[in-house]
mmCIF file of all heavy atoms, coordinates in Angstrom:
data_MODEL
# 
_entry.id   MODEL 
# 
loop_
_atom_site.group_PDB 
_atom_site.id 
_atom_site.type_symbol 
_atom_site.label_atom_id 
_atom_site.label_alt_id 
_atom_site.label_comp_id 
_atom_site.label_asym_id 
_atom_site.label_entity_id 
_atom_site.label_seq_id 
_atom_site.pdbx_PDB_ins_code 
_atom_site.Cartn_x 
_atom_site.Cartn_y 
_atom_site.Cartn_z 
_atom_site.occupancy 
_atom_site.B_iso_or_equiv 
_atom_site.pdbx_formal_charge 
_atom_site.auth_seq_id 
_atom_site.auth_comp_id 
_atom_site.auth_asym_id 
_atom_site.auth_atom_id 
_atom_site.pdbx_PDB_model_num 
ATOM 1   N N   . VAL A 1 1  ? 6.534   2.220   3.706  1.00 0.00 ? 1  VAL A N   1 
ATOM 2   C CA  . VAL A 1 1  ? 6.768   0.777   3.792  1.00 0.00 ? 1  VAL A CA  1 
ATOM 3   C C   . VAL A 1 1  ? 5.471   0.101   4.205  1.00 0.00 ? 1  VAL A C   1 
ATOM 4   O O   . VAL A 1 1  ? 4.878   0.438   5.230  1.00 0.00 ? 1  VAL A O   1 
ATOM 5   C CB  . VAL A 1 1  ? 7.888   0.449   4.788  1.00 0.00 ? 1  VAL A CB  1 
ATOM 6   C CG1 . VAL A 1 1  ? 8.090   -1.067  4.878  1.00 0.00 ? 1  VAL A CG1 1 
ATOM 7   C CG2 . VAL A 1 1  ? 9.195   1.123   4.377  1.00 0.00 ? 1  VAL A CG2 1 
ATOM 8   N N   . VAL A 1 2  ? 5.016   -0.836  3.396  1.00 0.00 ? 2  VAL A N   1 
ATOM 9   C CA  . VAL A 1 2  ? 3.772   -1.562  3.673  1.00 0.00 ? 2  VAL A CA  1 
ATOM 10  C C   . VAL A 1 2  ? 4.079   -3.058  3.723  1.00 0.00 ? 2  VAL A C   1 
ATOM 11  O O   . VAL A 1 2  ? 5.134   -3.511  3.268  1.00 0.00 ? 2  VAL A O   1 
ATOM 12  C CB  . VAL A 1 2  ? 2.700   -1.252  2.607  1.00 0.00 ? 2  VAL A CB  1 
ATOM 13  C CG1 . VAL A 1 2  ? 2.288   0.218   2.679  1.00 0.00 ? 2  VAL A CG1 1 
ATOM 14  C CG2 . VAL A 1 2  ? 3.201   -1.593  1.203  1.00 0.00 ? 2  VAL A CG2 1 
ATOM 15  N N   . HIS A 1 3  ? 3.134   -3.831  4.284  1.00 0.00 ? 3  HIS A N   1 
ATOM 16  C CA  . HIS A 1 3  ? 3.376   -5.262  4.488  1.00 0.00 ? 3  HIS A CA  1 
ATOM 17  C C   . HIS A 1 3  ? 2.169   -6.081  4.045  1.00 0.00 ? 3  HIS A C   1 
ATOM 18  O O   . HIS A 1 3  ? 1.551   -6.791  4.842  1.00 0.00 ? 3  HIS A O   1 
ATOM 19  C CB  . HIS A 1 3  ? 3.707   -5.542  5.961  1.00 0.00 ? 3  HIS A CB  1 
ATOM 20  C CG  . HIS A 1 3  ? 4.965   -4.904  6.434  1.00 0.00 ? 3  HIS A CG  1 
ATOM 21  N ND1 . HIS A 1 3  ? 5.019   -3.583  6.876  1.00 0.00 ? 3  HIS A ND1 1 
ATOM 22  C CD2 . HIS A 1 3  ? 6.241   -5.393  6.511  1.00 0.00 ? 3  HIS A CD2 1 
ATOM 23  C CE1 . HIS A 1 3  ? 6.265   -3.299  7.234  1.00 0.00 ? 3  HIS A CE1 1 
ATOM 24  N NE2 . HIS A 1 3  ? 7.018   -4.366  7.023  1.00 0.00 ? 3  HIS A NE2 1 
ATOM 25  N N   . PRO A 1 4  ? 1.794   -6.017  2.758  1.00 0.00 ? 4  PRO A N   1 
ATOM 26  C CA  . PRO A 1 4  ? 0.666   -6.834  2.314  1.00 0.00 ? 4  PRO A CA  1 
ATOM 27  C C   . PRO A 1 4  ? 0.971   -8.321  2.461  1.00 0.00 ? 4  PRO A C   1 
ATOM 28  O O   . PRO A 1 4  ? 2.036   -8.780  2.029  1.00 0.00 ? 4  PRO A O   1 
ATOM 29  C CB  . PRO A 1 4  ? 0.495   -6.429  0.840  1.00 0.00 ? 4  PRO A CB  1 
ATOM 30  C CG  . PRO A 1 4  ? 1.833   -5.902  0.436  1.00 0.00 ? 4  PRO A CG  1 
ATOM 31  C CD  . PRO A 1 4  ? 2.403   -5.257  1.665  1.00 0.00 ? 4  PRO A CD  1 
ATOM 32  N N   . GLU A 1 5  ? 0.054   -9.036  3.086  1.00 0.00 ? 5  GLU A N   1 
ATOM 33  C CA  . GLU A 1 5  ? 0.214   -10.477 3.304  1.00 0.00 ? 5  GLU A CA  1 
ATOM 34  C C   . GLU A 1 5  ? 1.546   -10.804 3.979  1.00 0.00 ? 5  GLU A C   1 
ATOM 35  O O   . GLU A 1 5  ? 2.136   -11.854 3.766  1.00 0.00 ? 5  GLU A O   1 
ATOM 36  C CB  . GLU A 1 5  ? 0.074   -11.236 1.976  1.00 0.00 ? 5  GLU A CB  1 
ATOM 37  C CG  . GLU A 1 5  ? -1.298  -11.025 1.332  1.00 0.00 ? 5  GLU A CG  1 
ATOM 38  C CD  . GLU A 1 5  ? -1.458  -11.749 0.018  1.00 0.00 ? 5  GLU A CD  1 
ATOM 39  O OE1 . GLU A 1 5  ? -0.744  -11.383 -0.945 1.00 0.00 ? 5  GLU A OE1 1 
ATOM 40  O OE2 . GLU A 1 5  ? -2.282  -12.674 -0.037 1.00 0.00 ? 5  GLU A OE2 1 
ATOM 41  N N   . GLY A 1 6  ? 2.021   -9.879  4.816  1.00 0.00 ? 6  GLY A N   1 
ATOM 42  C CA  . GLY A 1 6  ? 3.233   -10.099 5.581  1.00 0.00 ? 6  GLY A CA  1 
ATOM 43  C C   . GLY A 1 6  ? 4.531   -9.905  4.832  1.00 0.00 ? 6  GLY A C   1 
ATOM 44  O O   . GLY A 1 6  ? 5.607   -10.188 5.373  1.00 0.00 ? 6  GLY A O   1 
ATOM 45  N N   . ILE A 1 7  ? 4.471   -9.420  3.596  1.00 0.00 ? 7  ILE A N   1 
ATOM 46  C CA  . ILE A 1 7  ? 5.674   -9.232  2.781  1.00 0.00 ? 7  ILE A CA  1 
ATOM 47  C C   . ILE A 1 7  ? 5.915   -7.734  2.590  1.00 0.00 ? 7  ILE A C   1 
ATOM 48  O O   . ILE A 1 7  ? 5.058   -7.020  2.079  1.00 0.00 ? 7  ILE A O   1 
ATOM 49  C CB  . ILE A 1 7  ? 5.538   -9.943  1.427  1.00 0.00 ? 7  ILE A CB  1 
ATOM 50  C CG1 . ILE A 1 7  ? 5.354   -11.453 1.653  1.00 0.00 ? 7  ILE A CG1 1 
ATOM 51  C CG2 . ILE A 1 7  ? 6.761   -9.671  0.548  1.00 0.00 ? 7  ILE A CG2 1 
ATOM 52  C CD1 . ILE A 1 7  ? 5.040   -12.219 0.412  1.00 0.00 ? 7  ILE A CD1 1 
ATOM 53  N N   . ALA A 1 8  ? 7.067   -7.264  2.997  1.00 0.00 ? 8  ALA A N   1 
ATOM 54  C CA  . ALA A 1 8  ? 7.350   -5.835  2.949  1.00 0.00 ? 8  ALA A CA  1 
ATOM 55  C C   . ALA A 1 8  ? 7.455   -5.335  1.516  1.00 0.00 ? 8  ALA A C   1 
ATOM 56  O O   . ALA A 1 8  ? 7.866   -6.057  0.608  1.00 0.00 ? 8  ALA A O   1 
ATOM 57  C CB  . ALA A 1 8  ? 8.642   -5.528  3.698  1.00 0.00 ? 8  ALA A CB  1 
ATOM 58  N N   . GLY A 1 9  ? 7.076   -4.085  1.326  1.00 0.00 ? 9  GLY A N   1 
ATOM 59  C CA  . GLY A 1 9  ? 7.204   -3.427  0.035  1.00 0.00 ? 9  GLY A CA  1 
ATOM 60  C C   . GLY A 1 9  ? 7.070   -1.935  0.204  1.00 0.00 ? 9  GLY A C   1 
ATOM 61  O O   . GLY A 1 9  ? 6.853   -1.431  1.309  1.00 0.00 ? 9  GLY A O   1 
ATOM 62  N N   . LEU A 1 10 ? 7.216   -1.198  -0.892 1.00 0.00 ? 10 LEU A N   1 
ATOM 63  C CA  . LEU A 1 10 ? 7.078   0.252   -0.885 1.00 0.00 ? 10 LEU A CA  1 
ATOM 64  C C   . LEU A 1 10 ? 5.852   0.625   -1.704 1.00 0.00 ? 10 LEU A C   1 
ATOM 65  O O   . LEU A 1 10 ? 5.749   0.271   -2.877 1.00 0.00 ? 10 LEU A O   1 
ATOM 66  C CB  . LEU A 1 10 ? 8.323   0.918   -1.481 1.00 0.00 ? 10 LEU A CB  1 
ATOM 67  C CG  . LEU A 1 10 ? 9.612   0.711   -0.694 1.00 0.00 ? 10 LEU A CG  1 
ATOM 68  C CD1 . LEU A 1 10 ? 10.804  1.217   -1.493 1.00 0.00 ? 10 LEU A CD1 1 
ATOM 69  C CD2 . LEU A 1 10 ? 9.536   1.417   0.653  1.00 0.00 ? 10 LEU A CD2 1 
ATOM 70  N N   . ARG A 1 11 ? 4.932   1.359   -1.094 1.00 0.00 ? 11 ARG A N   1 
ATOM 71  C CA  . ARG A 1 11 ? 3.686   1.730   -1.767 1.00 0.00 ? 11 ARG A CA  1 
ATOM 72  C C   . ARG A 1 11 ? 3.915   2.821   -2.798 1.00 0.00 ? 11 ARG A C   1 
ATOM 73  O O   . ARG A 1 11 ? 4.942   3.507   -2.805 1.00 0.00 ? 11 ARG A O   1 
ATOM 74  C CB  . ARG A 1 11 ? 2.661   2.207   -0.747 1.00 0.00 ? 11 ARG A CB  1 
ATOM 75  C CG  . ARG A 1 11 ? 3.006   3.535   -0.075 1.00 0.00 ? 11 ARG A CG  1 
ATOM 76  C CD  . ARG A 1 11 ? 1.840   4.070   0.743  1.00 0.00 ? 11 ARG A CD  1 
ATOM 77  N NE  . ARG A 1 11 ? 2.186   5.290   1.464  1.00 0.00 ? 11 ARG A NE  1 
ATOM 78  C CZ  . ARG A 1 11 ? 2.134   6.520   0.966  1.00 0.00 ? 11 ARG A CZ  1 
ATOM 79  N NH1 . ARG A 1 11 ? 1.770   6.703   -0.308 1.00 0.00 ? 11 ARG A NH1 1 
ATOM 80  N NH2 . ARG A 1 11 ? 2.439   7.568   1.704  1.00 0.00 ? 11 ARG A NH2 1 
ATOM 81  N N   . THR A 1 12 ? 2.933   2.972   -3.687 1.00 0.00 ? 12 THR A N   1 
ATOM 82  C CA  . THR A 1 12 ? 2.934   4.116   -4.594 1.00 0.00 ? 12 THR A CA  1 
ATOM 83  C C   . THR A 1 12 ? 2.888   5.399   -3.757 1.00 0.00 ? 12 THR A C   1 
ATOM 84  O O   . THR A 1 12 ? 2.046   5.537   -2.869 1.00 0.00 ? 12 THR A O   1 
ATOM 85  C CB  . THR A 1 12 ? 1.718   4.052   -5.531 1.00 0.00 ? 12 THR A CB  1 
ATOM 86  O OG1 . THR A 1 12 ? 1.863   2.905   -6.384 1.00 0.00 ? 12 THR A OG1 1 
ATOM 87  C CG2 . THR A 1 12 ? 1.605   5.300   -6.392 1.00 0.00 ? 12 THR A CG2 1 
ATOM 88  N N   . PRO A 1 13 ? 3.782   6.366   -4.003 1.00 0.00 ? 13 PRO A N   1 
ATOM 89  C CA  . PRO A 1 13 ? 3.929   7.521   -3.111 1.00 0.00 ? 13 PRO A CA  1 
ATOM 90  C C   . PRO A 1 13 ? 2.913   8.627   -3.366 1.00 0.00 ? 13 PRO A C   1 
ATOM 91  O O   . PRO A 1 13 ? 3.274   9.790   -3.610 1.00 0.00 ? 13 PRO A O   1 
ATOM 92  C CB  . PRO A 1 13 ? 5.353   7.985   -3.393 1.00 0.00 ? 13 PRO A CB  1 
ATOM 93  C CG  . PRO A 1 13 ? 5.560   7.648   -4.831 1.00 0.00 ? 13 PRO A CG  1 
ATOM 94  C CD  . PRO A 1 13 ? 4.845   6.347   -5.040 1.00 0.00 ? 13 PRO A CD  1 
ATOM 95  N N   . LEU A 1 14 ? 1.636   8.278   -3.314 1.00 0.00 ? 14 LEU A N   1 
ATOM 96  C CA  . LEU A 1 14 ? 0.563   9.254   -3.464 1.00 0.00 ? 14 LEU A CA  1 
ATOM 97  C C   . LEU A 1 14 ? -0.342  9.191   -2.241 1.00 0.00 ? 14 LEU A C   1 
ATOM 98  O O   . LEU A 1 14 ? -0.680  8.101   -1.765 1.00 0.00 ? 14 LEU A O   1 
ATOM 99  C CB  . LEU A 1 14 ? -0.272  8.965   -4.720 1.00 0.00 ? 14 LEU A CB  1 
ATOM 100 C CG  . LEU A 1 14 ? 0.452   9.051   -6.068 1.00 0.00 ? 14 LEU A CG  1 
ATOM 101 C CD1 . LEU A 1 14 ? -0.451  8.542   -7.183 1.00 0.00 ? 14 LEU A CD1 1 
ATOM 102 C CD2 . LEU A 1 14 ? 0.899   10.477  -6.351 1.00 0.00 ? 14 LEU A CD2 1 
ATOM 103 N N   . SER A 1 15 ? -0.726  10.350  -1.739 1.00 0.00 ? 15 SER A N   1 
ATOM 104 C CA  . SER A 1 15 ? -1.670  10.430  -0.627 1.00 0.00 ? 15 SER A CA  1 
ATOM 105 C C   . SER A 1 15 ? -2.808  11.362  -1.022 1.00 0.00 ? 15 SER A C   1 
ATOM 106 O O   . SER A 1 15 ? -2.574  12.417  -1.622 1.00 0.00 ? 15 SER A O   1 
ATOM 107 C CB  . SER A 1 15 ? -0.981  10.955  0.641  1.00 0.00 ? 15 SER A CB  1 
ATOM 108 O OG  . SER A 1 15 ? 0.069   10.090  1.047  1.00 0.00 ? 15 SER A OG  1 
ATOM 109 N N   . PHE A 1 16 ? -4.033  10.974  -0.677 1.00 0.00 ? 16 PHE A N   1 
ATOM 110 C CA  . PHE A 1 16 ? -5.226  11.711  -1.084 1.00 0.00 ? 16 PHE A CA  1 
ATOM 111 C C   . PHE A 1 16 ? -5.989  12.182  0.150  1.00 0.00 ? 16 PHE A C   1 
ATOM 112 O O   . PHE A 1 16 ? -5.936  11.557  1.208  1.00 0.00 ? 16 PHE A O   1 
ATOM 113 C CB  . PHE A 1 16 ? -6.139  10.815  -1.935 1.00 0.00 ? 16 PHE A CB  1 
ATOM 114 C CG  . PHE A 1 16 ? -5.504  10.299  -3.190 1.00 0.00 ? 16 PHE A CG  1 
ATOM 115 C CD1 . PHE A 1 16 ? -4.826  9.086   -3.207 1.00 0.00 ? 16 PHE A CD1 1 
ATOM 116 C CD2 . PHE A 1 16 ? -5.569  11.018  -4.372 1.00 0.00 ? 16 PHE A CD2 1 
ATOM 117 C CE1 . PHE A 1 16 ? -4.239  8.590   -4.362 1.00 0.00 ? 16 PHE A CE1 1 
ATOM 118 C CE2 . PHE A 1 16 ? -4.976  10.538  -5.542 1.00 0.00 ? 16 PHE A CE2 1 
ATOM 119 C CZ  . PHE A 1 16 ? -4.312  9.331   -5.526 1.00 0.00 ? 16 PHE A CZ  1 
ATOM 120 N N   . SER A 1 17 ? -6.721  13.281  -0.005 1.00 0.00 ? 17 SER A N   1 
ATOM 121 C CA  . SER A 1 17 ? -7.496  13.792  1.124  1.00 0.00 ? 17 SER A CA  1 
ATOM 122 C C   . SER A 1 17 ? -8.736  12.950  1.401  1.00 0.00 ? 17 SER A C   1 
ATOM 123 O O   . SER A 1 17 ? -9.193  12.870  2.537  1.00 0.00 ? 17 SER A O   1 
ATOM 124 C CB  . SER A 1 17 ? -7.916  15.249  0.860  1.00 0.00 ? 17 SER A CB  1 
ATOM 125 O OG  . SER A 1 17 ? -8.771  15.342  -0.277 1.00 0.00 ? 17 SER A OG  1 
ATOM 126 N N   . ARG A 1 18 ? -9.281  12.273  0.366  1.00 0.00 ? 18 ARG A N   1 
ATOM 127 C CA  . ARG A 1 18 ? -10.477 11.455  0.565  1.00 0.00 ? 18 ARG A CA  1 
ATOM 128 C C   . ARG A 1 18 ? -10.269 9.994   0.182  1.00 0.00 ? 18 ARG A C   1 
ATOM 129 O O   . ARG A 1 18 ? -10.792 9.102   0.833  1.00 0.00 ? 18 ARG A O   1 
ATOM 130 C CB  . ARG A 1 18 ? -11.656 12.017  -0.247 1.00 0.00 ? 18 ARG A CB  1 
ATOM 131 C CG  . ARG A 1 18 ? -12.191 13.357  0.247  1.00 0.00 ? 18 ARG A CG  1 
ATOM 132 C CD  . ARG A 1 18 ? -13.456 13.761  -0.488 1.00 0.00 ? 18 ARG A CD  1 
ATOM 133 N NE  . ARG A 1 18 ? -13.258 13.932  -1.938 1.00 0.00 ? 18 ARG A NE  1 
ATOM 134 C CZ  . ARG A 1 18 ? -13.635 13.055  -2.853 1.00 0.00 ? 18 ARG A CZ  1 
ATOM 135 N NH1 . ARG A 1 18 ? -14.232 11.928  -2.515 1.00 0.00 ? 18 ARG A NH1 1 
ATOM 136 N NH2 . ARG A 1 18 ? -13.420 13.296  -4.149 1.00 0.00 ? 18 ARG A NH2 1 
ATOM 137 N N   . SER A 1 19 ? -9.546  9.737   -0.866 1.00 0.00 ? 19 SER A N   1 
ATOM 138 C CA  . SER A 1 19 ? -9.386  8.374   -1.349 1.00 0.00 ? 19 SER A CA  1 
ATOM 139 C C   . SER A 1 19 ? -8.233  7.663   -0.642 1.00 0.00 ? 19 SER A C   1 
ATOM 140 O O   . SER A 1 19 ? -7.430  8.283   0.054  1.00 0.00 ? 19 SER A O   1 
ATOM 141 C CB  . SER A 1 19 ? -9.119  8.387   -2.857 1.00 0.00 ? 19 SER A CB  1 
ATOM 142 O OG  . SER A 1 19 ? -10.193 8.954   -3.557 1.00 0.00 ? 19 SER A OG  1 
ATOM 143 N N   . HIS A 1 20 ? -8.170  6.360   -0.834 1.00 0.00 ? 20 HIS A N   1 
ATOM 144 C CA  . HIS A 1 20 ? -7.089  5.576   -0.258 1.00 0.00 ? 20 HIS A CA  1 
ATOM 145 C C   . HIS A 1 20 ? -6.480  4.681   -1.329 1.00 0.00 ? 20 HIS A C   1 
ATOM 146 O O   . HIS A 1 20 ? -7.059  4.474   -2.398 1.00 0.00 ? 20 HIS A O   1 
ATOM 147 C CB  . HIS A 1 20 ? -7.602  4.715   0.905  1.00 0.00 ? 20 HIS A CB  1 
ATOM 148 C CG  . HIS A 1 20 ? -8.602  3.667   0.485  1.00 0.00 ? 20 HIS A CG  1 
ATOM 149 N ND1 . HIS A 1 20 ? -8.239  2.456   -0.065 1.00 0.00 ? 20 HIS A ND1 1 
ATOM 150 C CD2 . HIS A 1 20 ? -9.964  3.661   0.519  1.00 0.00 ? 20 HIS A CD2 1 
ATOM 151 C CE1 . HIS A 1 20 ? -9.316  1.751   -0.345 1.00 0.00 ? 20 HIS A CE1 1 
ATOM 152 N NE2 . HIS A 1 20 ? -10.382 2.461   -0.005 1.00 0.00 ? 20 HIS A NE2 1 
ATOM 153 N N   . LEU A 1 21 ? -5.300  4.146   -1.039 1.00 0.00 ? 21 LEU A N   1 
ATOM 154 C CA  . LEU A 1 21 ? -4.681  3.168   -1.906 1.00 0.00 ? 21 LEU A CA  1 
ATOM 155 C C   . LEU A 1 21 ? -5.177  1.771   -1.531 1.00 0.00 ? 21 LEU A C   1 
ATOM 156 O O   . LEU A 1 21 ? -5.655  1.548   -0.423 1.00 0.00 ? 21 LEU A O   1 
ATOM 157 C CB  . LEU A 1 21 ? -3.159  3.218   -1.788 1.00 0.00 ? 21 LEU A CB  1 
ATOM 158 C CG  . LEU A 1 21 ? -2.487  4.537   -2.178 1.00 0.00 ? 21 LEU A CG  1 
ATOM 159 C CD1 . LEU A 1 21 ? -0.980  4.438   -1.967 1.00 0.00 ? 21 LEU A CD1 1 
ATOM 160 C CD2 . LEU A 1 21 ? -2.800  4.928   -3.611 1.00 0.00 ? 21 LEU A CD2 1 
ATOM 161 N N   . THR A 1 22 ? -5.038  0.827   -2.461 1.00 0.00 ? 22 THR A N   1 
ATOM 162 C CA  . THR A 1 22 ? -5.397  -0.567  -2.212 1.00 0.00 ? 22 THR A CA  1 
ATOM 163 C C   . THR A 1 22 ? -4.115  -1.355  -2.056 1.00 0.00 ? 22 THR A C   1 
ATOM 164 O O   . THR A 1 22 ? -3.374  -1.553  -3.027 1.00 0.00 ? 22 THR A O   1 
ATOM 165 C CB  . THR A 1 22 ? -6.236  -1.121  -3.381 1.00 0.00 ? 22 THR A CB  1 
ATOM 166 O OG1 . THR A 1 22 ? -7.424  -0.326  -3.518 1.00 0.00 ? 22 THR A OG1 1 
ATOM 167 C CG2 . THR A 1 22 ? -6.629  -2.567  -3.125 1.00 0.00 ? 22 THR A CG2 1 
ATOM 168 N N   . LEU A 1 23 ? -3.827  -1.802  -0.825 1.00 0.00 ? 23 LEU A N   1 
ATOM 169 C CA  . LEU A 1 23 ? -2.510  -2.341  -0.512 1.00 0.00 ? 23 LEU A CA  1 
ATOM 170 C C   . LEU A 1 23 ? -2.562  -3.679  0.208  1.00 0.00 ? 23 LEU A C   1 
ATOM 171 O O   . LEU A 1 23 ? -1.589  -4.092  0.835  1.00 0.00 ? 23 LEU A O   1 
ATOM 172 C CB  . LEU A 1 23 ? -1.736  -1.328  0.348  1.00 0.00 ? 23 LEU A CB  1 
ATOM 173 C CG  . LEU A 1 23 ? -1.531  0.061   -0.275 1.00 0.00 ? 23 LEU A CG  1 
ATOM 174 C CD1 . LEU A 1 23 ? -1.007  1.047   0.760  1.00 0.00 ? 23 LEU A CD1 1 
ATOM 175 C CD2 . LEU A 1 23 ? -0.584  -0.019  -1.464 1.00 0.00 ? 23 LEU A CD2 1 
ATOM 176 N N   . ALA A 1 24 ? -3.664  -4.386  0.127  1.00 0.00 ? 24 ALA A N   1 
ATOM 177 C CA  . ALA A 1 24 ? -3.809  -5.614  0.900  1.00 0.00 ? 24 ALA A CA  1 
ATOM 178 C C   . ALA A 1 24 ? -3.161  -6.825  0.253  1.00 0.00 ? 24 ALA A C   1 
ATOM 179 O O   . ALA A 1 24 ? -2.852  -7.808  0.927  1.00 0.00 ? 24 ALA A O   1 
ATOM 180 C CB  . ALA A 1 24 ? -5.298  -5.902  1.136  1.00 0.00 ? 24 ALA A CB  1 
ATOM 181 N N   . ARG A 1 25 ? -2.948  -6.785  -1.053 1.00 0.00 ? 25 ARG A N   1 
ATOM 182 C CA  . ARG A 1 25 ? -2.493  -7.964  -1.787 1.00 0.00 ? 25 ARG A CA  1 
ATOM 183 C C   . ARG A 1 25 ? -1.019  -7.820  -2.169 1.00 0.00 ? 25 ARG A C   1 
ATOM 184 O O   . ARG A 1 25 ? -0.610  -6.808  -2.716 1.00 0.00 ? 25 ARG A O   1 
ATOM 185 C CB  . ARG A 1 25 ? -3.327  -8.131  -3.060 1.00 0.00 ? 25 ARG A CB  1 
ATOM 186 C CG  . ARG A 1 25 ? -3.136  -9.479  -3.760 1.00 0.00 ? 25 ARG A CG  1 
ATOM 187 C CD  . ARG A 1 25 ? -3.684  -9.430  -5.167 1.00 0.00 ? 25 ARG A CD  1 
ATOM 188 N NE  . ARG A 1 25 ? -5.088  -9.107  -5.254 1.00 0.00 ? 25 ARG A NE  1 
ATOM 189 C CZ  . ARG A 1 25 ? -6.077  -10.005 -5.364 1.00 0.00 ? 25 ARG A CZ  1 
ATOM 190 N NH1 . ARG A 1 25 ? -5.797  -11.286 -5.386 1.00 0.00 ? 25 ARG A NH1 1 
ATOM 191 N NH2 . ARG A 1 25 ? -7.336  -9.597  -5.469 1.00 0.00 ? 25 ARG A NH2 1 
ATOM 192 N N   . SER A 1 26 ? -0.218  -8.868  -1.886 1.00 0.00 ? 26 SER A N   1 
ATOM 193 C CA  . SER A 1 26 ? 1.170   -8.879  -2.317 1.00 0.00 ? 26 SER A CA  1 
ATOM 194 C C   . SER A 1 26 ? 1.240   -9.330  -3.774 1.00 0.00 ? 26 SER A C   1 
ATOM 195 O O   . SER A 1 26 ? 0.218   -9.501  -4.437 1.00 0.00 ? 26 SER A O   1 
ATOM 196 C CB  . SER A 1 26 ? 1.996   -9.801  -1.416 1.00 0.00 ? 26 SER A CB  1 
ATOM 197 O OG  . SER A 1 26 ? 3.372   -9.720  -1.752 1.00 0.00 ? 26 SER A OG  1 
ATOM 198 N N   . ALA A 1 27 ? 2.449   -9.508  -4.287 1.00 0.00 ? 27 ALA A N   1 
ATOM 199 C CA  . ALA A 1 27 ? 2.617   -10.061 -5.630 1.00 0.00 ? 27 ALA A CA  1 
ATOM 200 C C   . ALA A 1 27 ? 2.148   -11.509 -5.639 1.00 0.00 ? 27 ALA A C   1 
ATOM 201 O O   . ALA A 1 27 ? 2.290   -12.218 -4.638 1.00 0.00 ? 27 ALA A O   1 
ATOM 202 C CB  . ALA A 1 27 ? 4.067   -9.958  -6.067 1.00 0.00 ? 27 ALA A CB  1 
# 
């Protein structure tokens, strides 16, 4: 569960050992 710009959502369910997801922007 992530909260980009204060709006809850569900992130893409991938986790990486070095890279990260980009989750700062809502719709």
